[in-house]
Full PDB file with SEQRES, HELIX, SHEET, SSBOND, CRYST1, ORIGX, SCALE, CONECT and MASTER records, all heavy atoms in Angstrom:
SEQRES   1 A   32  ASP LYS VAL TYR GLU THR ALA ALA ARG ASP MET HIS PHE          
SEQRES   2 A   32  ALA THR THR ASP VAL ARG LEU ALA ARG GLU LEU GLN LYS          
SEQRES   3 A   32  ILE PRO GLN ILE ALA ALA                                      
HELIX    1 AA1 LYS A    2  ASP A   10  1                                   9    
HELIX    2 AA2 ASP A   17  GLN A   25  1                                   9    
HELIX    3 AA3 PRO A   28  ALA A   31  1                                   4    
CRYST1    1.000    1.000    1.000  90.00  90.00  90.00 P 1           1          
ORIGX1      1.000000  0.000000  0.000000        0.00000                         
ORIGX2      0.000000  1.000000  0.000000        0.00000                         
ORIGX3      0.000000  0.000000  1.000000        0.00000                         
SCALE1      1.000000  0.000000  0.000000        0.00000                         
SCALE2      0.000000  1.000000  0.000000        0.00000                         
SCALE3      0.000000  0.000000  1.000000        0.00000                         
ATOM      1  N   ASP A   1      81.516  19.905  40.299  1.00  0.00           N  
ATOM      2  CA  ASP A   1      82.233  19.833  41.577  1.00  0.00           C  
ATOM      3  C   ASP A   1      83.130  21.048  41.768  1.00  0.00           C  
ATOM      4  O   ASP A   1      83.215  21.605  42.874  1.00  0.00           O  
ATOM      5  CB  ASP A   1      83.072  18.560  41.641  1.00  0.00           C  
ATOM      6  CG  ASP A   1      82.220  17.303  41.791  1.00  0.00           C  
ATOM      7  OD1 ASP A   1      81.001  17.445  41.984  1.00  0.00           O  
ATOM      8  OD2 ASP A   1      82.778  16.187  41.686  1.00  0.00           O  
ATOM      9  N   LYS A   2      83.819  21.468  40.696  1.00  0.00           N  
ATOM     10  CA  LYS A   2      84.716  22.629  40.785  1.00  0.00           C  
ATOM     11  C   LYS A   2      83.933  23.907  41.065  1.00  0.00           C  
ATOM     12  O   LYS A   2      84.385  24.770  41.824  1.00  0.00           O  
ATOM     13  CB  LYS A   2      85.519  22.773  39.491  1.00  0.00           C  
ATOM     14  CG  LYS A   2      86.571  21.696  39.274  1.00  0.00           C  
ATOM     15  CD  LYS A   2      87.702  21.798  40.297  1.00  0.00           C  
ATOM     16  CE  LYS A   2      88.797  20.785  40.019  1.00  0.00           C  
ATOM     17  NZ  LYS A   2      89.843  20.804  41.068  1.00  0.00           N  
ATOM     18  N   VAL A   3      82.762  24.037  40.439  1.00  0.00           N  
ATOM     19  CA  VAL A   3      81.926  25.225  40.670  1.00  0.00           C  
ATOM     20  C   VAL A   3      81.499  25.282  42.139  1.00  0.00           C  
ATOM     21  O   VAL A   3      81.636  26.321  42.809  1.00  0.00           O  
ATOM     22  CB  VAL A   3      80.685  25.203  39.747  1.00  0.00           C  
ATOM     23  CG1 VAL A   3      79.673  26.256  40.184  1.00  0.00           C  
ATOM     24  CG2 VAL A   3      81.101  25.454  38.295  1.00  0.00           C  
ATOM     25  N   TYR A   4      80.986  24.160  42.662  1.00  0.00           N  
ATOM     26  CA  TYR A   4      80.545  24.133  44.055  1.00  0.00           C  
ATOM     27  C   TYR A   4      81.725  24.334  45.013  1.00  0.00           C  
ATOM     28  O   TYR A   4      81.601  25.042  46.028  1.00  0.00           O  
ATOM     29  CB  TYR A   4      79.861  22.794  44.366  1.00  0.00           C  
ATOM     30  CG  TYR A   4      78.497  22.637  43.747  1.00  0.00           C  
ATOM     31  CD1 TYR A   4      78.051  21.397  43.292  1.00  0.00           C  
ATOM     32  CD2 TYR A   4      77.628  23.723  43.628  1.00  0.00           C  
ATOM     33  CE1 TYR A   4      76.790  21.243  42.737  1.00  0.00           C  
ATOM     34  CE2 TYR A   4      76.370  23.573  43.073  1.00  0.00           C  
ATOM     35  CZ  TYR A   4      75.960  22.334  42.628  1.00  0.00           C  
ATOM     36  OH  TYR A   4      74.706  22.186  42.078  1.00  0.00           O  
ATOM     37  N   GLU A   5      82.851  23.712  44.684  1.00  0.00           N  
ATOM     38  CA  GLU A   5      84.031  23.836  45.538  1.00  0.00           C  
ATOM     39  C   GLU A   5      84.513  25.282  45.602  1.00  0.00           C  
ATOM     40  O   GLU A   5      84.855  25.797  46.679  1.00  0.00           O  
ATOM     41  CB  GLU A   5      85.131  22.943  44.961  1.00  0.00           C  
ATOM     42  CG  GLU A   5      86.390  22.851  45.793  1.00  0.00           C  
ATOM     43  CD  GLU A   5      87.435  21.961  45.134  1.00  0.00           C  
ATOM     44  OE1 GLU A   5      87.064  20.939  44.541  1.00  0.00           O  
ATOM     45  OE2 GLU A   5      88.623  22.314  45.208  1.00  0.00           O  
ATOM     46  N   THR A   6      84.496  25.950  44.458  1.00  0.00           N  
ATOM     47  CA  THR A   6      84.920  27.357  44.411  1.00  0.00           C  
ATOM     48  C   THR A   6      83.939  28.242  45.176  1.00  0.00           C  
ATOM     49  O   THR A   6      84.340  29.144  45.925  1.00  0.00           O  
ATOM     50  CB  THR A   6      85.031  27.834  42.948  1.00  0.00           C  
ATOM     51  OG1 THR A   6      85.876  26.931  42.225  1.00  0.00           O  
ATOM     52  CG2 THR A   6      85.606  29.227  42.873  1.00  0.00           C  
ATOM     53  N   ALA A   7      82.644  27.966  45.013  1.00  0.00           N  
ATOM     54  CA  ALA A   7      81.630  28.745  45.725  1.00  0.00           C  
ATOM     55  C   ALA A   7      81.761  28.551  47.233  1.00  0.00           C  
ATOM     56  O   ALA A   7      81.669  29.518  48.007  1.00  0.00           O  
ATOM     57  CB  ALA A   7      80.240  28.332  45.257  1.00  0.00           C  
ATOM     58  N   ALA A   8      81.982  27.314  47.660  1.00  0.00           N  
ATOM     59  CA  ALA A   8      82.138  27.039  49.094  1.00  0.00           C  
ATOM     60  C   ALA A   8      83.347  27.777  49.657  1.00  0.00           C  
ATOM     61  O   ALA A   8      83.302  28.307  50.769  1.00  0.00           O  
ATOM     62  CB  ALA A   8      82.273  25.536  49.320  1.00  0.00           C  
ATOM     63  N   ARG A   9      84.431  27.810  48.885  1.00  0.00           N  
ATOM     64  CA  ARG A   9      85.640  28.517  49.335  1.00  0.00           C  
ATOM     65  C   ARG A   9      85.365  30.015  49.454  1.00  0.00           C  
ATOM     66  O   ARG A   9      85.707  30.647  50.455  1.00  0.00           O  
ATOM     67  CB  ARG A   9      86.767  28.263  48.341  1.00  0.00           C  
ATOM     68  CG  ARG A   9      88.108  28.898  48.731  1.00  0.00           C  
ATOM     69  CD  ARG A   9      89.002  28.972  47.517  1.00  0.00           C  
ATOM     70  NE  ARG A   9      88.451  29.870  46.519  1.00  0.00           N  
ATOM     71  CZ  ARG A   9      88.642  29.746  45.206  1.00  0.00           C  
ATOM     72  NH1 ARG A   9      89.345  28.740  44.722  1.00  0.00           N  
ATOM     73  NH2 ARG A   9      88.101  30.615  44.367  1.00  0.00           N  
ATOM     74  N   ASP A  10      84.719  30.596  48.437  1.00  0.00           N  
ATOM     75  CA  ASP A  10      84.443  32.037  48.462  1.00  0.00           C  
ATOM     76  C   ASP A  10      83.461  32.416  49.563  1.00  0.00           C  
ATOM     77  O   ASP A  10      83.493  33.538  50.078  1.00  0.00           O  
ATOM     78  CB  ASP A  10      83.897  32.493  47.103  1.00  0.00           C  
ATOM     79  CG  ASP A  10      84.976  32.466  46.020  1.00  0.00           C  
ATOM     80  OD1 ASP A  10      86.156  32.214  46.369  1.00  0.00           O  
ATOM     81  OD2 ASP A  10      84.639  32.681  44.842  1.00  0.00           O  
ATOM     82  N   MET A  11      82.551  31.499  49.889  1.00  0.00           N  
ATOM     83  CA  MET A  11      81.566  31.774  50.944  1.00  0.00           C  
ATOM     84  C   MET A  11      82.100  31.380  52.328  1.00  0.00           C  
ATOM     85  O   MET A  11      81.375  31.452  53.316  1.00  0.00           O  
ATOM     86  CB  MET A  11      80.269  30.994  50.656  1.00  0.00           C  
ATOM     87  CG  MET A  11      79.569  31.421  49.384  1.00  0.00           C  
ATOM     88  SD  MET A  11      78.124  30.374  49.030  1.00  0.00           S  
ATOM     89  CE  MET A  11      77.660  30.973  47.403  1.00  0.00           C  
ATOM     90  N   HIS A  12      83.370  30.919  52.367  1.00  0.00           N  
ATOM     91  CA  HIS A  12      84.036  30.538  53.621  1.00  0.00           C  
ATOM     92  C   HIS A  12      83.298  29.411  54.337  1.00  0.00           C  
ATOM     93  O   HIS A  12      83.210  29.387  55.568  1.00  0.00           O  
ATOM     94  CB  HIS A  12      84.177  31.759  54.548  1.00  0.00           C  
ATOM     95  CG  HIS A  12      84.910  32.899  53.906  1.00  0.00           C  
ATOM     96  ND1 HIS A  12      86.264  32.863  53.609  1.00  0.00           N  
ATOM     97  CD2 HIS A  12      84.453  34.103  53.469  1.00  0.00           C  
ATOM     98  CE1 HIS A  12      86.609  34.000  53.037  1.00  0.00           C  
ATOM     99  NE2 HIS A  12      85.540  34.768  52.916  1.00  0.00           N  
ATOM    100  N   PHE A  13      82.760  28.471  53.546  1.00  0.00           N  
ATOM    101  CA  PHE A  13      82.146  27.291  54.133  1.00  0.00           C  
ATOM    102  C   PHE A  13      83.219  26.226  54.309  1.00  0.00           C  
ATOM    103  O   PHE A  13      83.879  25.821  53.352  1.00  0.00           O  
ATOM    104  CB  PHE A  13      81.038  26.732  53.239  1.00  0.00           C  
ATOM    105  CG  PHE A  13      79.821  27.615  53.158  1.00  0.00           C  
ATOM    106  CD1 PHE A  13      79.086  27.695  51.984  1.00  0.00           C  
ATOM    107  CD2 PHE A  13      79.409  28.352  54.250  1.00  0.00           C  
ATOM    108  CE1 PHE A  13      77.973  28.500  51.895  1.00  0.00           C  
ATOM    109  CE2 PHE A  13      78.285  29.161  54.184  1.00  0.00           C  
ATOM    110  CZ  PHE A  13      77.559  29.243  53.001  1.00  0.00           C  
ATOM    111  N   ALA A  14      83.403  25.762  55.517  1.00  0.00           N  
ATOM    112  CA  ALA A  14      84.398  24.723  55.785  1.00  0.00           C  
ATOM    113  C   ALA A  14      83.798  23.711  56.752  1.00  0.00           C  
ATOM    114  O   ALA A  14      82.935  24.049  57.565  1.00  0.00           O  
ATOM    115  CB  ALA A  14      85.664  25.328  56.378  1.00  0.00           C  
ATOM    116  N   THR A  15      84.246  22.487  56.641  1.00  0.00           N  
ATOM    117  CA  THR A  15      83.761  21.423  57.513  1.00  0.00           C  
ATOM    118  C   THR A  15      84.852  21.081  58.520  1.00  0.00           C  
ATOM    119  O   THR A  15      85.924  20.614  58.144  1.00  0.00           O  
ATOM    120  CB  THR A  15      83.392  20.171  56.690  1.00  0.00           C  
ATOM    121  OG1 THR A  15      82.387  20.522  55.737  1.00  0.00           O  
ATOM    122  CG2 THR A  15      82.869  19.071  57.595  1.00  0.00           C  
ATOM    123  N   THR A  16      84.593  21.330  59.776  1.00  0.00           N  
ATOM    124  CA  THR A  16      85.582  21.056  60.823  1.00  0.00           C  
ATOM    125  C   THR A  16      85.673  19.561  61.084  1.00  0.00           C  
ATOM    126  O   THR A  16      84.771  18.788  60.718  1.00  0.00           O  
ATOM    127  CB  THR A  16      85.198  21.767  62.131  1.00  0.00           C  
ATOM    128  OG1 THR A  16      83.962  21.209  62.604  1.00  0.00           O  
ATOM    129  CG2 THR A  16      85.034  23.259  61.919  1.00  0.00           C  
ATOM    130  N   ASP A  17      86.753  19.158  61.751  1.00  0.00           N  
ATOM    131  CA  ASP A  17      86.916  17.747  62.102  1.00  0.00           C  
ATOM    132  C   ASP A  17      85.802  17.281  63.023  1.00  0.00           C  
ATOM    133  O   ASP A  17      85.335  16.137  62.930  1.00  0.00           O  
ATOM    134  CB  ASP A  17      88.269  17.517  62.777  1.00  0.00           C  
ATOM    135  CG  ASP A  17      89.430  17.691  61.810  1.00  0.00           C  
ATOM    136  OD1 ASP A  17      89.185  17.651  60.584  1.00  0.00           O  
ATOM    137  OD2 ASP A  17      90.573  17.875  62.272  1.00  0.00           O  
ATOM    138  N   VAL A  18      85.372  18.170  63.917  1.00  0.00           N  
ATOM    139  CA  VAL A  18      84.311  17.814  64.877  1.00  0.00           C  
ATOM    140  C   VAL A  18      83.012  17.522  64.139  1.00  0.00           C  
ATOM    141  O   VAL A  18      82.325  16.522  64.388  1.00  0.00           O  
ATOM    142  CB  VAL A  18      84.107  18.939  65.902  1.00  0.00           C  
ATOM    143  CG1 VAL A  18      82.893  18.650  66.780  1.00  0.00           C  
ATOM    144  CG2 VAL A  18      85.356  19.110  66.755  1.00  0.00           C  
ATOM    145  N   ARG A  19      82.685  18.413  63.181  1.00  0.00           N  
ATOM    146  CA  ARG A  19      81.442  18.189  62.437  1.00  0.00           C  
ATOM    147  C   ARG A  19      81.531  16.949  61.558  1.00  0.00           C  
ATOM    148  O   ARG A  19      80.565  16.194  61.419  1.00  0.00           O  
ATOM    149  CB  ARG A  19      81.118  19.408  61.559  1.00  0.00           C  
ATOM    150  CG  ARG A  19      79.732  19.252  60.929  1.00  0.00           C  
ATOM    151  CD  ARG A  19      79.357  20.342  59.993  1.00  0.00           C  
ATOM    152  NE  ARG A  19      78.060  20.055  59.407  1.00  0.00           N  
ATOM    153  CZ  ARG A  19      77.608  20.581  58.284  1.00  0.00           C  
ATOM    154  NH1 ARG A  19      78.355  21.447  57.617  1.00  0.00           N  
ATOM    155  NH2 ARG A  19      76.421  20.266  57.810  1.00  0.00           N  
ATOM    156  N   LEU A  20      82.715  16.726  60.966  1.00  0.00           N  
ATOM    157  CA  LEU A  20      82.901  15.534  60.144  1.00  0.00           C  
ATOM    158  C   LEU A  20      82.664  14.283  60.972  1.00  0.00           C  
ATOM    159  O   LEU A  20      81.948  13.363  60.545  1.00  0.00           O  
ATOM    160  CB  LEU A  20      84.311  15.519  59.554  1.00  0.00           C  
ATOM    161  CG  LEU A  20      84.682  14.255  58.763  1.00  0.00           C  
ATOM    162  CD1 LEU A  20      83.816  14.128  57.522  1.00  0.00           C  
ATOM    163  CD2 LEU A  20      86.161  14.274  58.384  1.00  0.00           C  
ATOM    164  N   ALA A  21      83.256  14.226  62.168  1.00  0.00           N  
ATOM    165  CA  ALA A  21      83.093  13.061  63.033  1.00  0.00           C  
ATOM    166  C   ALA A  21      81.620  12.869  63.402  1.00  0.00           C  
ATOM    167  O   ALA A  21      81.111  11.744  63.424  1.00  0.00           O  
ATOM    168  CB  ALA A  21      83.940  13.216  64.289  1.00  0.00           C  
ATOM    169  N   ARG A  22      80.938  13.987  63.690  1.00  0.00           N  
ATOM    170  CA  ARG A  22      79.518  13.908  64.052  1.00  0.00           C  
ATOM    171  C   ARG A  22      78.677  13.367  62.900  1.00  0.00           C  
ATOM    172  O   ARG A  22      77.796  12.525  63.087  1.00  0.00           O  
ATOM    173  CB  ARG A  22      79.025  15.293  64.485  1.00  0.00           C  
ATOM    174  CG  ARG A  22      77.597  15.283  65.039  1.00  0.00           C  
ATOM    175  CD  ARG A  22      77.247  16.591  65.704  1.00  0.00           C  
ATOM    176  NE  ARG A  22      77.250  17.701  64.765  1.00  0.00           N  
ATOM    177  CZ  ARG A  22      78.107  18.712  64.794  1.00  0.00           C  
ATOM    178  NH1 ARG A  22      79.053  18.738  65.734  1.00  0.00           N  
ATOM    179  NH2 ARG A  22      78.043  19.696  63.913  1.00  0.00           N  
ATOM    180  N   GLU A  23      78.959  13.837  61.695  1.00  0.00           N  
ATOM    181  CA  GLU A  23      78.199  13.395  60.529  1.00  0.00           C  
ATOM    182  C   GLU A  23      78.491  11.937  60.196  1.00  0.00           C  
ATOM    183  O   GLU A  23      77.589  11.197  59.789  1.00  0.00           O  
ATOM    184  CB  GLU A  23      78.521  14.281  59.322  1.00  0.00           C  
ATOM    185  CG  GLU A  23      78.066  15.724  59.458  1.00  0.00           C  
ATOM    186  CD  GLU A  23      76.554  15.858  59.602  1.00  0.00           C  
ATOM    187  OE1 GLU A  23      75.830  15.028  59.011  1.00  0.00           O  
ATOM    188  OE2 GLU A  23      76.104  16.777  60.307  1.00  0.00           O  
ATOM    189  N   LEU A  24      79.739  11.511  60.361  1.00  0.00           N  
ATOM    190  CA  LEU A  24      80.079  10.117  60.089  1.00  0.00           C  
ATOM    191  C   LEU A  24      79.328   9.186  61.042  1.00  0.00           C  
ATOM    192  O   LEU A  24      78.901   8.097  60.649  1.00  0.00           O  
ATOM    193  CB  LEU A  24      81.590   9.897  60.223  1.00  0.00           C  
ATOM    194  CG  LEU A  24      82.477  10.514  59.133  1.00  0.00           C  
ATOM    195  CD1 LEU A  24      83.949  10.313  59.466  1.00  0.00           C  
ATOM    196  CD2 LEU A  24      82.170   9.905  57.766  1.00  0.00           C  
ATOM    197  N   GLN A  25      79.167   9.611  62.294  1.00  0.00           N  
ATOM    198  CA  GLN A  25      78.468   8.781  63.272  1.00  0.00           C  
ATOM    199  C   GLN A  25      76.977   8.662  62.973  1.00  0.00           C  
ATOM    200  O   GLN A  25      76.306   7.771  63.489  1.00  0.00           O  
ATOM    201  CB  GLN A  25      78.667   9.347  64.687  1.00  0.00           C  
ATOM    202  CG  GLN A  25      79.968   8.928  65.328  1.00  0.00           C  
ATOM    203  CD  GLN A  25      80.106   7.417  65.389  1.00  0.00           C  
ATOM    204  OE1 GLN A  25      79.282   6.723  65.957  1.00  0.00           O  
ATOM    205  NE2 GLN A  25      81.162   6.898  64.781  1.00  0.00           N  
ATOM    206  N   LYS A  26      76.461   9.561  62.121  1.00  0.00           N  
ATOM    207  CA  LYS A  26      75.052   9.474  61.741  1.00  0.00           C  
ATOM    208  C   LYS A  26      74.811   8.412  60.677  1.00  0.00           C  
ATOM    209  O   LYS A  26      73.663   8.076  60.376  1.00  0.00           O  
ATOM    210  CB  LYS A  26      74.564  10.835  61.222  1.00  0.00           C  
ATOM    211  CG  LYS A  26      74.495  11.915  62.297  1.00  0.00           C  
ATOM    212  CD  LYS A  26      74.009  13.230  61.697  1.00  0.00           C  
ATOM    213  CE  LYS A  26      73.975  14.336  62.751  1.00  0.00           C  
ATOM    214  NZ  LYS A  26      73.546  15.634  62.180  1.00  0.00           N  
ATOM    215  N   ILE A  27      75.898   7.915  60.070  1.00  0.00           N  
ATOM    216  CA  ILE A  27      75.769   6.869  59.058  1.00  0.00           C  
ATOM    217  C   ILE A  27      75.649   5.534  59.782  1.00  0.00           C  
ATOM    218  O   ILE A  27      76.574   5.123  60.481  1.00  0.00           O  
ATOM    219  CB  ILE A  27      76.995   6.865  58.114  1.00  0.00           C  
ATOM    220  CG1 ILE A  27      77.123   8.233  57.425  1.00  0.00           C  
ATOM    221  CG2 ILE A  27      76.877   5.754  57.090  1.00  0.00           C  
ATOM    222  CD1 ILE A  27      78.388   8.388  56.592  1.00  0.00           C  
ATOM    223  N   PRO A  28      74.515   4.836  59.659  1.00  0.00           N  
ATOM    224  CA  PRO A  28      74.285   3.622  60.469  1.00  0.00           C  
ATOM    225  C   PRO A  28      75.376   2.566  60.295  1.00  0.00           C  
ATOM    226  O   PRO A  28      75.782   1.923  61.268  1.00  0.00           O  
ATOM    227  CB  PRO A  28      72.929   3.102  59.941  1.00  0.00           C  
ATOM    228  CG  PRO A  28      72.267   4.305  59.352  1.00  0.00           C  
ATOM    229  CD  PRO A  28      73.358   5.164  58.815  1.00  0.00           C  
ATOM    230  N   GLN A  29      75.873   2.389  59.051  1.00  0.00           N  
ATOM    231  CA  GLN A  29      76.877   1.353  58.816  1.00  0.00           C  
ATOM    232  C   GLN A  29      78.167   1.650  59.574  1.00  0.00           C  
ATOM    233  O   GLN A  29      78.874   0.732  60.005  1.00  0.00           O  
ATOM    234  CB  GLN A  29      77.176   1.216  57.322  1.00  0.00           C  
ATOM    235  CG  GLN A  29      76.000   0.719  56.499  1.00  0.00           C  
ATOM    236  CD  GLN A  29      75.117   1.843  56.007  1.00  0.00           C  
ATOM    237  OE1 GLN A  29      75.079   2.914  56.607  1.00  0.00           O  
ATOM    238  NE2 GLN A  29      74.415   1.607  54.921  1.00  0.00           N  
ATOM    239  N   ILE A  30      78.494   2.937  59.727  1.00  0.00           N  
ATOM    240  CA  ILE A  30      79.706   3.312  60.460  1.00  0.00           C  
ATOM    241  C   ILE A  30      79.461   3.249  61.968  1.00  0.00           C  
ATOM    242  O   ILE A  30      80.311   2.770  62.721  1.00  0.00           O  
ATOM    243  CB  ILE A  30      80.182   4.722  60.035  1.00  0.00           C  
ATOM    244  CG1 ILE A  30      80.641   4.678  58.563  1.00  0.00           C  
ATOM    245  CG2 ILE A  30      81.318   5.215  60.922  1.00  0.00           C  
ATOM    246  CD1 ILE A  30      81.082   6.015  58.015  1.00  0.00           C  
ATOM    247  N   ALA A  31      78.292   3.706  62.398  1.00  0.00           N  
ATOM    248  CA  ALA A  31      77.968   3.647  63.827  1.00  0.00           C  
ATOM    249  C   ALA A  31      77.998   2.209  64.343  1.00  0.00           C  
ATOM    250  O   ALA A  31      78.364   1.949  65.496  1.00  0.00           O  
ATOM    251  CB  ALA A  31      76.591   4.266  64.073  1.00  0.00           C  
ATOM    252  N   ALA A  32      77.653   1.252  63.465  1.00  0.00           N  
ATOM    253  CA  ALA A  32      77.630  -0.154  63.865  1.00  0.00           C  
ATOM    254  C   ALA A  32      79.029  -0.730  64.061  1.00  0.00           C  
ATOM    255  O   ALA A  32      79.176  -1.840  64.582  1.00  0.00           O  
ATOM    256  CB  ALA A  32      76.875  -0.979  62.818  1.00  0.00           C  
TER     257      ALA A  32                                                      
MASTER        0    0    0    3    0    0    0    6  256    1    0    3          
END                                                                             
């Protein structure tokens, strides 16, 4: 997890609130 987390930080990969909300809505149990 630390390796991936560090790589994501160095590659400037971030998950915005908008994308998080969109992805959560794709989970059927949450959409219900």
